[in-house]
N, C-alpha and C. Protein backbone atom coordinates (compact mmCIF):
# COMPACT_ATOMS: atom_id res chain seq x y z
N MET A 1 4.81 21.85 8.51
CA MET A 1 4.81 20.40 8.65
C MET A 1 3.48 19.97 9.25
N PRO A 2 2.79 18.97 8.67
CA PRO A 2 1.50 18.55 9.20
C PRO A 2 1.64 17.90 10.57
N ALA A 3 0.55 18.00 11.33
CA ALA A 3 0.53 17.38 12.65
C ALA A 3 0.59 15.87 12.49
N PRO A 4 1.11 15.14 13.50
CA PRO A 4 1.20 13.67 13.39
C PRO A 4 -0.14 13.01 13.13
N ASN A 5 -1.22 13.52 13.73
CA ASN A 5 -2.54 12.91 13.51
C ASN A 5 -2.99 13.10 12.06
N ASP A 6 -2.66 14.27 11.47
CA ASP A 6 -3.01 14.50 10.08
C ASP A 6 -2.27 13.53 9.16
N MET A 7 -0.99 13.26 9.48
CA MET A 7 -0.21 12.32 8.67
C MET A 7 -0.78 10.93 8.78
N ASN A 8 -1.19 10.50 9.98
CA ASN A 8 -1.76 9.17 10.15
C ASN A 8 -3.05 9.04 9.37
N THR A 9 -3.90 10.07 9.43
CA THR A 9 -5.17 10.04 8.70
C THR A 9 -4.91 9.97 7.20
N SER A 10 -3.95 10.74 6.74
CA SER A 10 -3.61 10.74 5.32
C SER A 10 -3.08 9.38 4.88
N GLN A 11 -2.21 8.79 5.68
CA GLN A 11 -1.65 7.49 5.34
C GLN A 11 -2.71 6.40 5.39
N GLU A 12 -3.63 6.50 6.34
CA GLU A 12 -4.71 5.51 6.40
C GLU A 12 -5.60 5.62 5.17
N GLY A 13 -5.86 6.85 4.73
CA GLY A 13 -6.66 7.06 3.52
C GLY A 13 -5.96 6.51 2.29
N GLU A 14 -4.66 6.74 2.21
CA GLU A 14 -3.89 6.22 1.08
C GLU A 14 -3.87 4.69 1.10
N ALA A 15 -3.73 4.11 2.28
CA ALA A 15 -3.72 2.65 2.38
C ALA A 15 -5.07 2.08 1.96
N ARG A 16 -6.15 2.72 2.39
CA ARG A 16 -7.49 2.27 2.00
C ARG A 16 -7.67 2.36 0.49
N ALA A 17 -7.19 3.45 -0.10
CA ALA A 17 -7.32 3.63 -1.55
C ALA A 17 -6.52 2.57 -2.29
N LEU A 18 -5.31 2.26 -1.81
CA LEU A 18 -4.51 1.22 -2.45
C LEU A 18 -5.17 -0.15 -2.35
N LYS A 19 -5.76 -0.44 -1.18
CA LYS A 19 -6.45 -1.73 -1.03
C LYS A 19 -7.65 -1.83 -1.96
N LEU A 20 -8.40 -0.75 -2.08
CA LEU A 20 -9.55 -0.75 -2.98
C LEU A 20 -9.10 -0.91 -4.43
N THR A 21 -8.05 -0.19 -4.80
CA THR A 21 -7.53 -0.30 -6.16
C THR A 21 -7.05 -1.71 -6.46
N LEU A 22 -6.37 -2.31 -5.50
CA LEU A 22 -5.90 -3.69 -5.68
C LEU A 22 -7.08 -4.64 -5.86
N ALA A 23 -8.12 -4.48 -5.06
CA ALA A 23 -9.30 -5.34 -5.17
C ALA A 23 -9.95 -5.20 -6.54
N VAL A 24 -10.05 -3.97 -7.03
CA VAL A 24 -10.66 -3.75 -8.35
C VAL A 24 -9.81 -4.38 -9.45
N TYR A 25 -8.48 -4.20 -9.37
CA TYR A 25 -7.60 -4.81 -10.39
C TYR A 25 -7.69 -6.33 -10.37
N LEU A 26 -7.78 -6.92 -9.18
CA LEU A 26 -7.90 -8.38 -9.11
C LEU A 26 -9.24 -8.85 -9.67
N LEU A 27 -10.29 -8.07 -9.46
CA LEU A 27 -11.59 -8.40 -10.03
C LEU A 27 -11.53 -8.32 -11.56
N VAL A 28 -10.92 -7.27 -12.08
CA VAL A 28 -10.78 -7.12 -13.53
C VAL A 28 -9.95 -8.27 -14.10
N PHE A 29 -8.87 -8.64 -13.39
CA PHE A 29 -8.05 -9.77 -13.82
C PHE A 29 -8.89 -11.04 -13.92
N ALA A 30 -9.67 -11.31 -12.88
CA ALA A 30 -10.50 -12.52 -12.87
C ALA A 30 -11.52 -12.51 -14.01
N LEU A 31 -12.11 -11.35 -14.26
CA LEU A 31 -13.09 -11.26 -15.35
C LEU A 31 -12.43 -11.48 -16.71
N LYS A 32 -11.29 -10.86 -16.93
CA LYS A 32 -10.60 -11.05 -18.21
C LYS A 32 -10.17 -12.50 -18.40
N LEU A 33 -9.71 -13.12 -17.33
CA LEU A 33 -9.30 -14.51 -17.40
C LEU A 33 -10.50 -15.41 -17.70
N ALA A 34 -11.62 -15.13 -17.06
CA ALA A 34 -12.83 -15.92 -17.30
C ALA A 34 -13.29 -15.78 -18.75
N VAL A 35 -13.25 -14.56 -19.27
CA VAL A 35 -13.67 -14.35 -20.67
C VAL A 35 -12.69 -15.04 -21.62
N TYR A 36 -11.41 -15.06 -21.26
CA TYR A 36 -10.43 -15.77 -22.08
C TYR A 36 -10.78 -17.26 -22.15
N PHE A 37 -11.11 -17.85 -21.00
CA PHE A 37 -11.43 -19.29 -20.99
C PHE A 37 -12.71 -19.59 -21.77
N VAL A 38 -13.64 -18.65 -21.78
CA VAL A 38 -14.89 -18.86 -22.52
C VAL A 38 -14.66 -18.70 -24.02
N THR A 39 -13.88 -17.66 -24.40
CA THR A 39 -13.74 -17.37 -25.82
C THR A 39 -12.47 -17.96 -26.45
N GLY A 40 -11.44 -18.14 -25.66
CA GLY A 40 -10.17 -18.65 -26.20
C GLY A 40 -9.36 -17.59 -26.93
N VAL A 41 -9.72 -16.32 -26.81
CA VAL A 41 -9.00 -15.25 -27.49
C VAL A 41 -7.73 -14.94 -26.70
N MET A 42 -6.58 -15.13 -27.35
CA MET A 42 -5.30 -14.95 -26.67
C MET A 42 -5.07 -13.51 -26.21
N ALA A 43 -5.64 -12.55 -26.89
CA ALA A 43 -5.47 -11.15 -26.50
C ALA A 43 -6.04 -10.91 -25.10
N LEU A 44 -7.10 -11.63 -24.76
CA LEU A 44 -7.68 -11.48 -23.42
C LEU A 44 -6.76 -12.06 -22.35
N LEU A 45 -6.07 -13.14 -22.69
CA LEU A 45 -5.09 -13.69 -21.74
C LEU A 45 -3.96 -12.70 -21.52
N ALA A 46 -3.49 -12.09 -22.61
CA ALA A 46 -2.43 -11.08 -22.49
C ALA A 46 -2.91 -9.91 -21.65
N GLU A 47 -4.12 -9.47 -21.86
CA GLU A 47 -4.68 -8.37 -21.07
C GLU A 47 -4.81 -8.76 -19.60
N ALA A 48 -5.22 -9.99 -19.35
CA ALA A 48 -5.36 -10.45 -17.96
C ALA A 48 -4.00 -10.43 -17.26
N LEU A 49 -2.98 -10.91 -17.94
CA LEU A 49 -1.63 -10.91 -17.36
C LEU A 49 -1.10 -9.49 -17.17
N HIS A 50 -1.45 -8.62 -18.09
CA HIS A 50 -1.05 -7.22 -17.98
C HIS A 50 -1.71 -6.59 -16.75
N THR A 51 -2.97 -6.89 -16.53
CA THR A 51 -3.68 -6.39 -15.36
C THR A 51 -3.06 -6.95 -14.08
N LEU A 52 -2.65 -8.19 -14.12
CA LEU A 52 -2.01 -8.80 -12.95
C LEU A 52 -0.70 -8.09 -12.62
N SER A 53 0.04 -7.67 -13.64
CA SER A 53 1.29 -6.94 -13.38
C SER A 53 1.01 -5.60 -12.71
N TYR A 54 -0.08 -4.95 -13.07
CA TYR A 54 -0.47 -3.71 -12.40
C TYR A 54 -0.78 -3.97 -10.93
N SER A 55 -1.44 -5.07 -10.65
CA SER A 55 -1.79 -5.36 -9.26
C SER A 55 -0.53 -5.61 -8.43
N ARG A 56 0.48 -6.18 -9.04
CA ARG A 56 1.75 -6.37 -8.31
C ARG A 56 2.42 -5.03 -8.02
N ALA A 57 2.31 -4.10 -8.94
CA ALA A 57 2.86 -2.76 -8.70
C ALA A 57 2.11 -2.07 -7.57
N ILE A 58 0.82 -2.29 -7.50
CA ILE A 58 0.03 -1.69 -6.43
C ILE A 58 0.41 -2.32 -5.09
N ARG A 59 0.64 -3.62 -5.08
CA ARG A 59 1.11 -4.27 -3.83
C ARG A 59 2.45 -3.70 -3.39
N ALA A 60 3.33 -3.44 -4.33
CA ALA A 60 4.62 -2.84 -3.99
C ALA A 60 4.44 -1.45 -3.41
N ALA A 61 3.52 -0.68 -3.97
CA ALA A 61 3.24 0.65 -3.44
C ALA A 61 2.67 0.57 -2.03
N ALA A 62 1.79 -0.40 -1.79
CA ALA A 62 1.22 -0.58 -0.46
C ALA A 62 2.29 -0.97 0.54
N SER A 63 3.22 -1.82 0.13
CA SER A 63 4.31 -2.21 1.02
C SER A 63 5.21 -1.02 1.33
N SER A 64 5.47 -0.20 0.33
CA SER A 64 6.29 0.99 0.54
C SER A 64 5.61 1.96 1.49
N LEU A 65 4.30 2.13 1.34
CA LEU A 65 3.55 3.01 2.23
C LEU A 65 3.58 2.48 3.66
N SER A 66 3.45 1.19 3.81
CA SER A 66 3.49 0.58 5.14
C SER A 66 4.86 0.77 5.78
N LEU A 67 5.91 0.56 5.00
CA LEU A 67 7.27 0.73 5.51
C LEU A 67 7.53 2.19 5.88
N ALA A 68 7.08 3.11 5.05
CA ALA A 68 7.27 4.53 5.34
C ALA A 68 6.53 4.93 6.61
N SER A 69 5.34 4.39 6.80
CA SER A 69 4.56 4.69 8.00
C SER A 69 5.26 4.17 9.24
N ALA A 70 5.78 2.96 9.17
CA ALA A 70 6.47 2.37 10.32
C ALA A 70 7.74 3.17 10.63
N THR A 71 8.46 3.57 9.61
CA THR A 71 9.68 4.36 9.81
C THR A 71 9.35 5.71 10.44
N ALA A 72 8.27 6.33 9.99
CA ALA A 72 7.87 7.62 10.54
C ALA A 72 7.49 7.48 12.01
N GLN A 73 6.80 6.40 12.36
CA GLN A 73 6.41 6.19 13.75
C GLN A 73 7.63 5.97 14.62
N ILE A 74 8.60 5.21 14.14
CA ILE A 74 9.82 4.97 14.91
C ILE A 74 10.59 6.28 15.08
N SER A 75 10.67 7.05 14.01
CA SER A 75 11.37 8.33 14.06
C SER A 75 10.71 9.29 15.03
N ALA A 76 9.38 9.36 14.99
CA ALA A 76 8.65 10.25 15.90
C ALA A 76 8.83 9.80 17.35
N SER A 77 8.82 8.50 17.56
CA SER A 77 8.99 7.96 18.91
C SER A 77 10.38 8.26 19.45
N SER A 78 11.40 8.09 18.61
CA SER A 78 12.76 8.34 19.08
C SER A 78 13.01 9.82 19.31
N SER A 79 12.37 10.69 18.52
CA SER A 79 12.56 12.13 18.74
C SER A 79 11.87 12.58 20.02
N ARG A 80 10.76 11.96 20.37
CA ARG A 80 10.10 12.29 21.65
C ARG A 80 10.96 11.83 22.81
N ASN A 81 11.55 10.65 22.67
CA ASN A 81 12.39 10.12 23.74
C ASN A 81 13.67 10.93 23.91
N SER A 82 14.18 11.52 22.85
CA SER A 82 15.43 12.27 22.95
C SER A 82 15.22 13.59 23.67
N ARG A 83 13.98 14.08 23.73
CA ARG A 83 13.70 15.32 24.43
C ARG A 83 13.51 15.13 25.92
N MET A 84 13.34 13.89 26.34
CA MET A 84 13.13 13.62 27.77
C MET A 84 14.45 13.76 28.51
N PRO A 85 14.42 14.38 29.68
CA PRO A 85 15.66 14.49 30.43
C PRO A 85 16.12 13.12 30.92
N LEU A 86 17.40 12.94 30.94
CA LEU A 86 17.95 11.68 31.40
C LEU A 86 18.01 11.65 32.92
N ARG A 87 17.69 10.54 33.48
CA ARG A 87 17.80 10.38 34.93
C ARG A 87 19.22 9.93 35.27
N THR A 88 19.72 10.50 36.27
CA THR A 88 21.03 10.06 36.72
C THR A 88 20.88 9.44 38.10
N THR A 89 21.54 8.36 38.30
CA THR A 89 21.49 7.70 39.60
C THR A 89 22.75 8.05 40.37
N ALA A 90 22.54 8.33 41.62
CA ALA A 90 23.70 8.72 42.43
C ALA A 90 24.13 7.59 43.30
């Protein structure tokens, strides 16, 4: 099992990659849409909308990664707390 720091670094890298991918897809969407408005070719509009659907899938993946990271942090925190001895008051 990887160390917690390794998992955080890996998740941060994945989050950065997803953000970069989303930015590129949105740029491609904007370019295809701009070319559609200049040329009026309906196929470009369809391609632009298709690219937009990919960007929504990437957003869903980013949300899932964020949720998984938060769940892992909560789980790690609760497992550390369960190992601590309980104080009893007399």
